[in-house]
Amino acid sequence: GHVSAESYFEIIYPNGRKPNIEASFIYGGWLFLIEKTNYRPAELFAVSLSSIRARSLAKSVGFLPAGSPISDAFVEQSTGRLFVLGWYDLREIFNWQRSIAQPPRYVFEDFLGQQEALGFDPKTLSFFVGTEDGSIFQMRAR
């Protein structure tokens, strides 16, 4: 059936830019938005969920290390570990809360097809990756 949006939020970004937001995650009461980039650092923005309004200001909170274009993200709520899915890899980002994150740890760098969706099952410690052609791959976390 049809699902209607409950709310619409116009996000105002620094310097009046309108970045291409490709992935998001929620952590610690904030909505984090990741800019899509092509092999250059991706800017990370944040909006407070407690003060989100029809027009809300996002703040730039730093940059994630360069890699293949980011298509999805997952943050482990208990530890704050951030994983970003690129078209051709899955990376764990360290110290992402700082203005410039440390180089990533590559969880895998296999070409499965253009990777577009990321899920994590804490019971099996497995990542599930969906590709542009509809395939789903399961990989155990290392």
C-alpha atoms as a PDB file:
ATOM      1  CA  GLY A   1       0.000   0.000   0.000  1.00  0.00           C
ATOM      2  CA  HIS A   2       0.829   3.664  -0.024  1.00  0.00           C
ATOM      3  CA  VAL A   3       2.762   5.188   2.878  1.00  0.00           C
ATOM      4  CA  SER A   4       2.561   8.935   3.446  1.00  0.00           C
ATOM      5  CA  ALA A   5       5.310  10.997   5.023  1.00  0.00           C
ATOM      6  CA  GLU A   6       4.424  12.054   8.539  1.00  0.00           C
ATOM      7  CA  SER A   7       6.590  15.185   8.457  1.00  0.00           C
ATOM      8  CA  TYR A   8       8.812  17.146   6.133  1.00  0.00           C
ATOM      9  CA  PHE A   9      11.951  18.925   7.286  1.00  0.00           C
ATOM     10  CA  GLU A  10      13.850  21.469   5.255  1.00  0.00           C
ATOM     11  CA  ILE A  11      17.444  21.216   6.375  1.00  0.00           C
ATOM     12  CA  ILE A  12      19.567  24.343   6.026  1.00  0.00           C
ATOM     13  CA  TYR A  13      23.230  23.464   5.519  1.00  0.00           C
ATOM     14  CA  PRO A  14      26.302  25.598   6.257  1.00  0.00           C
ATOM     15  CA  ASN A  15      27.247  28.121   3.553  1.00  0.00           C
ATOM     16  CA  GLY A  16      23.842  27.681   1.900  1.00  0.00           C
ATOM     17  CA  ARG A  17      24.981  24.505   0.126  1.00  0.00           C
ATOM     18  CA  LYS A  18      22.611  21.665  -0.671  1.00  0.00           C
ATOM     19  CA  PRO A  19      24.807  18.555  -0.459  1.00  0.00           C
ATOM     20  CA  ASN A  20      23.753  15.205  -1.905  1.00  0.00           C
ATOM     21  CA  ILE A  21      22.896  13.296   1.286  1.00  0.00           C
ATOM     22  CA  GLU A  22      23.295   9.600   0.596  1.00  0.00           C
ATOM     23  CA  ALA A  23      23.220   7.988   4.059  1.00  0.00           C
ATOM     24  CA  SER A  24      22.059   8.779   7.567  1.00  0.00           C
ATOM     25  CA  PHE A  25      22.018   7.323  11.051  1.00  0.00           C
ATOM     26  CA  ILE A  26      20.767   8.316  14.496  1.00  0.00           C
ATOM     27  CA  TYR A  27      23.021   8.346  17.521  1.00  0.00           C
ATOM     28  CA  GLY A  28      22.851  10.065  20.906  1.00  0.00           C
ATOM     29  CA  GLY A  29      19.769  12.115  20.060  1.00  0.00           C
ATOM     30  CA  TRP A  30      21.201  13.425  16.782  1.00  0.00           C
ATOM     31  CA  LEU A  31      20.379  12.705  13.153  1.00  0.00           C
ATOM     32  CA  PHE A  32      23.654  12.402  11.244  1.00  0.00           C
ATOM     33  CA  LEU A  33      23.680  12.974   7.483  1.00  0.00           C
ATOM     34  CA  ILE A  34      26.522  11.825   5.219  1.00  0.00           C
ATOM     35  CA  GLU A  35      27.320  13.597   1.981  1.00  0.00           C
ATOM     36  CA  LYS A  36      27.868  11.468  -1.117  1.00  0.00           C
ATOM     37  CA  THR A  37      31.327  11.996  -2.535  1.00  0.00           C
ATOM     38  CA  ASN A  38      33.481  10.202  -5.055  1.00  0.00           C
ATOM     39  CA  TYR A  39      36.841   9.201  -3.553  1.00  0.00           C
ATOM     40  CA  ARG A  40      37.227  12.358  -1.473  1.00  0.00           C
ATOM     41  CA  PRO A  41      36.366  12.988   2.209  1.00  0.00           C
ATOM     42  CA  ALA A  42      32.612  12.964   2.882  1.00  0.00           C
ATOM     43  CA  GLU A  43      31.229  15.761   5.025  1.00  0.00           C
ATOM     44  CA  LEU A  44      29.219  14.690   8.068  1.00  0.00           C
ATOM     45  CA  PHE A  45      26.341  16.911   9.227  1.00  0.00           C
ATOM     46  CA  ALA A  46      24.186  16.689  12.364  1.00  0.00           C
ATOM     47  CA  VAL A  47      20.725  17.887  13.375  1.00  0.00           C
ATOM     48  CA  SER A  48      19.462  17.629  16.966  1.00  0.00           C
ATOM     49  CA  LEU A  49      16.339  15.468  17.105  1.00  0.00           C
ATOM     50  CA  SER A  50      15.082  17.324  20.191  1.00  0.00           C
ATOM     51  CA  SER A  51      14.985  20.635  18.338  1.00  0.00           C
ATOM     52  CA  ILE A  52      14.152  19.558  14.777  1.00  0.00           C
ATOM     53  CA  ARG A  53      11.533  21.809  13.185  1.00  0.00           C
ATOM     54  CA  ALA A  54      10.054  22.367   9.727  1.00  0.00           C
ATOM     55  CA  ARG A  55      13.219  24.394   8.964  1.00  0.00           C
ATOM     56  CA  SER A  56      16.267  23.181  10.863  1.00  0.00           C
ATOM     57  CA  LEU A  57      19.909  24.114  10.745  1.00  0.00           C
ATOM     58  CA  ALA A  58      22.440  21.327  10.252  1.00  0.00           C
ATOM     59  CA  LYS A  59      25.920  21.771  11.592  1.00  0.00           C
ATOM     60  CA  SER A  60      29.017  20.361   9.978  1.00  0.00           C
ATOM     61  CA  VAL A  61      30.672  18.001  12.451  1.00  0.00           C
ATOM     62  CA  GLY A  62      33.593  16.814  10.350  1.00  0.00           C
ATOM     63  CA  PHE A  63      34.680  14.647   7.476  1.00  0.00           C
ATOM     64  CA  LEU A  64      34.806  10.892   6.955  1.00  0.00           C
ATOM     65  CA  PRO A  65      37.880   9.491   5.180  1.00  0.00           C
ATOM     66  CA  ALA A  66      37.818   9.235   1.387  1.00  0.00           C
ATOM     67  CA  GLY A  67      36.769   5.962  -0.194  1.00  0.00           C
ATOM     68  CA  SER A  68      34.303   4.605  -2.689  1.00  0.00           C
ATOM     69  CA  PRO A  69      31.017   6.586  -2.746  1.00  0.00           C
ATOM     70  CA  ILE A  70      29.045   5.987   0.467  1.00  0.00           C
ATOM     71  CA  SER A  71      25.590   4.512  -0.036  1.00  0.00           C
ATOM     72  CA  ASP A  72      24.512   3.533   3.500  1.00  0.00           C
ATOM     73  CA  ALA A  73      25.654   3.594   7.122  1.00  0.00           C
ATOM     74  CA  PHE A  74      25.104   1.763  10.392  1.00  0.00           C
ATOM     75  CA  VAL A  75      26.087   2.803  13.917  1.00  0.00           C
ATOM     76  CA  GLU A  76      26.203   0.325  16.773  1.00  0.00           C
ATOM     77  CA  GLN A  77      24.211   2.117  19.472  1.00  0.00           C
ATOM     78  CA  SER A  78      25.981   0.582  22.489  1.00  0.00           C
ATOM     79  CA  THR A  79      29.529   1.373  21.317  1.00  0.00           C
ATOM     80  CA  GLY A  80      29.162   4.144  18.727  1.00  0.00           C
ATOM     81  CA  ARG A  81      31.078   2.061  16.166  1.00  0.00           C
ATOM     82  CA  LEU A  82      30.292   3.492  12.731  1.00  0.00           C
ATOM     83  CA  PHE A  83      30.292   1.383   9.582  1.00  0.00           C
ATOM     84  CA  VAL A  84      29.848   2.933   6.143  1.00  0.00           C
ATOM     85  CA  LEU A  85      28.988   0.998   3.032  1.00  0.00           C
ATOM     86  CA  GLY A  86      30.655   2.185  -0.138  1.00  0.00           C
ATOM     87  CA  TRP A  87      29.850   0.969  -3.613  1.00  0.00           C
ATOM     88  CA  TYR A  88      32.815  -1.400  -3.413  1.00  0.00           C
ATOM     89  CA  ASP A  89      33.668  -1.801   0.291  1.00  0.00           C
ATOM     90  CA  LEU A  90      32.526  -1.728   3.912  1.00  0.00           C
ATOM     91  CA  ARG A  91      34.606   0.427   6.260  1.00  0.00           C
ATOM     92  CA  GLU A  92      34.638   0.946  10.006  1.00  0.00           C
ATOM     93  CA  ILE A  93      35.305   4.608  10.786  1.00  0.00           C
ATOM     94  CA  PHE A  94      37.236   5.405  13.958  1.00  0.00           C
ATOM     95  CA  ASN A  95      36.808   8.634  15.938  1.00  0.00           C
ATOM     96  CA  TRP A  96      34.071   9.820  13.574  1.00  0.00           C
ATOM     97  CA  GLN A  97      32.859  12.245  16.257  1.00  0.00           C
ATOM     98  CA  ARG A  98      36.014  14.331  15.750  1.00  0.00           C
ATOM     99  CA  SER A  99      36.416  16.875  12.975  1.00  0.00           C
ATOM    100  CA  ILE A 100      38.714  14.594  10.952  1.00  0.00           C
ATOM    101  CA  ALA A 101      38.256  10.861  11.402  1.00  0.00           C
ATOM    102  CA  GLN A 102      41.166   8.432  11.451  1.00  0.00           C
ATOM    103  CA  PRO A 103      41.811   6.160   8.455  1.00  0.00           C
ATOM    104  CA  PRO A 104      39.215   3.391   8.248  1.00  0.00           C
ATOM    105  CA  ARG A 105      39.486  -0.321   8.835  1.00  0.00           C
ATOM    106  CA  TYR A 106      38.223  -2.186   5.781  1.00  0.00           C
ATOM    107  CA  VAL A 107      35.794  -4.900   6.862  1.00  0.00           C
ATOM    108  CA  PHE A 108      35.748  -6.127   3.281  1.00  0.00           C
ATOM    109  CA  GLU A 109      36.725  -4.845  -0.136  1.00  0.00           C
ATOM    110  CA  ASP A 110      35.081  -7.428  -2.362  1.00  0.00           C
ATOM    111  CA  PHE A 111      33.264  -6.322  -5.456  1.00  0.00           C
ATOM    112  CA  LEU A 112      29.735  -7.682  -5.098  1.00  0.00           C
ATOM    113  CA  GLY A 113      28.186  -5.290  -7.572  1.00  0.00           C
ATOM    114  CA  GLN A 114      27.266  -1.721  -6.712  1.00  0.00           C
ATOM    115  CA  GLN A 115      26.445  -1.984  -3.003  1.00  0.00           C
ATOM    116  CA  GLU A 116      23.465   0.095  -1.936  1.00  0.00           C
ATOM    117  CA  ALA A 117      21.990  -1.119   1.392  1.00  0.00           C
ATOM    118  CA  LEU A 118      23.449  -2.203   4.720  1.00  0.00           C
ATOM    119  CA  GLY A 119      21.872  -4.104   7.603  1.00  0.00           C
ATOM    120  CA  PHE A 120      23.402  -5.697  10.690  1.00  0.00           C
ATOM    121  CA  ASP A 121      22.144  -8.647  12.734  1.00  0.00           C
ATOM    122  CA  PRO A 122      23.588  -8.508  16.268  1.00  0.00           C
ATOM    123  CA  LYS A 123      22.529 -12.111  16.992  1.00  0.00           C
ATOM    124  CA  THR A 124      24.680 -13.595  14.225  1.00  0.00           C
ATOM    125  CA  LEU A 125      27.179 -10.699  14.065  1.00  0.00           C
ATOM    126  CA  SER A 126      26.533 -10.529  10.335  1.00  0.00           C
ATOM    127  CA  PHE A 127      26.271  -7.699   7.865  1.00  0.00           C
ATOM    128  CA  PHE A 128      23.716  -7.984   5.076  1.00  0.00           C
ATOM    129  CA  VAL A 129      24.571  -6.033   1.935  1.00  0.00           C
ATOM    130  CA  GLY A 130      22.112  -5.335  -0.864  1.00  0.00           C
ATOM    131  CA  THR A 131      23.311  -4.544  -4.357  1.00  0.00           C
ATOM    132  CA  GLU A 132      21.833  -2.510  -7.174  1.00  0.00           C
ATOM    133  CA  ASP A 133      20.683  -5.695  -8.955  1.00  0.00           C
ATOM    134  CA  GLY A 134      18.654  -6.863  -5.924  1.00  0.00           C
ATOM    135  CA  SER A 135      21.149  -9.447  -4.633  1.00  0.00           C
ATOM    136  CA  ILE A 136      21.738  -9.798  -0.880  1.00  0.00           C
ATOM    137  CA  PHE A 137      25.053 -10.971   0.583  1.00  0.00           C
ATOM    138  CA  GLN A 138      25.723 -11.981   4.206  1.00  0.00           C
ATOM    139  CA  MET A 139      29.160 -11.445   5.764  1.00  0.00           C
ATOM    140  CA  ARG A 140      30.240 -12.153   9.314  1.00  0.00           C
ATOM    141  CA  ALA A 141      31.725  -9.188  11.148  1.00  0.00           C
ATOM    142  CA  ARG A 142      35.445  -9.420  11.902  1.00  0.00           C
END
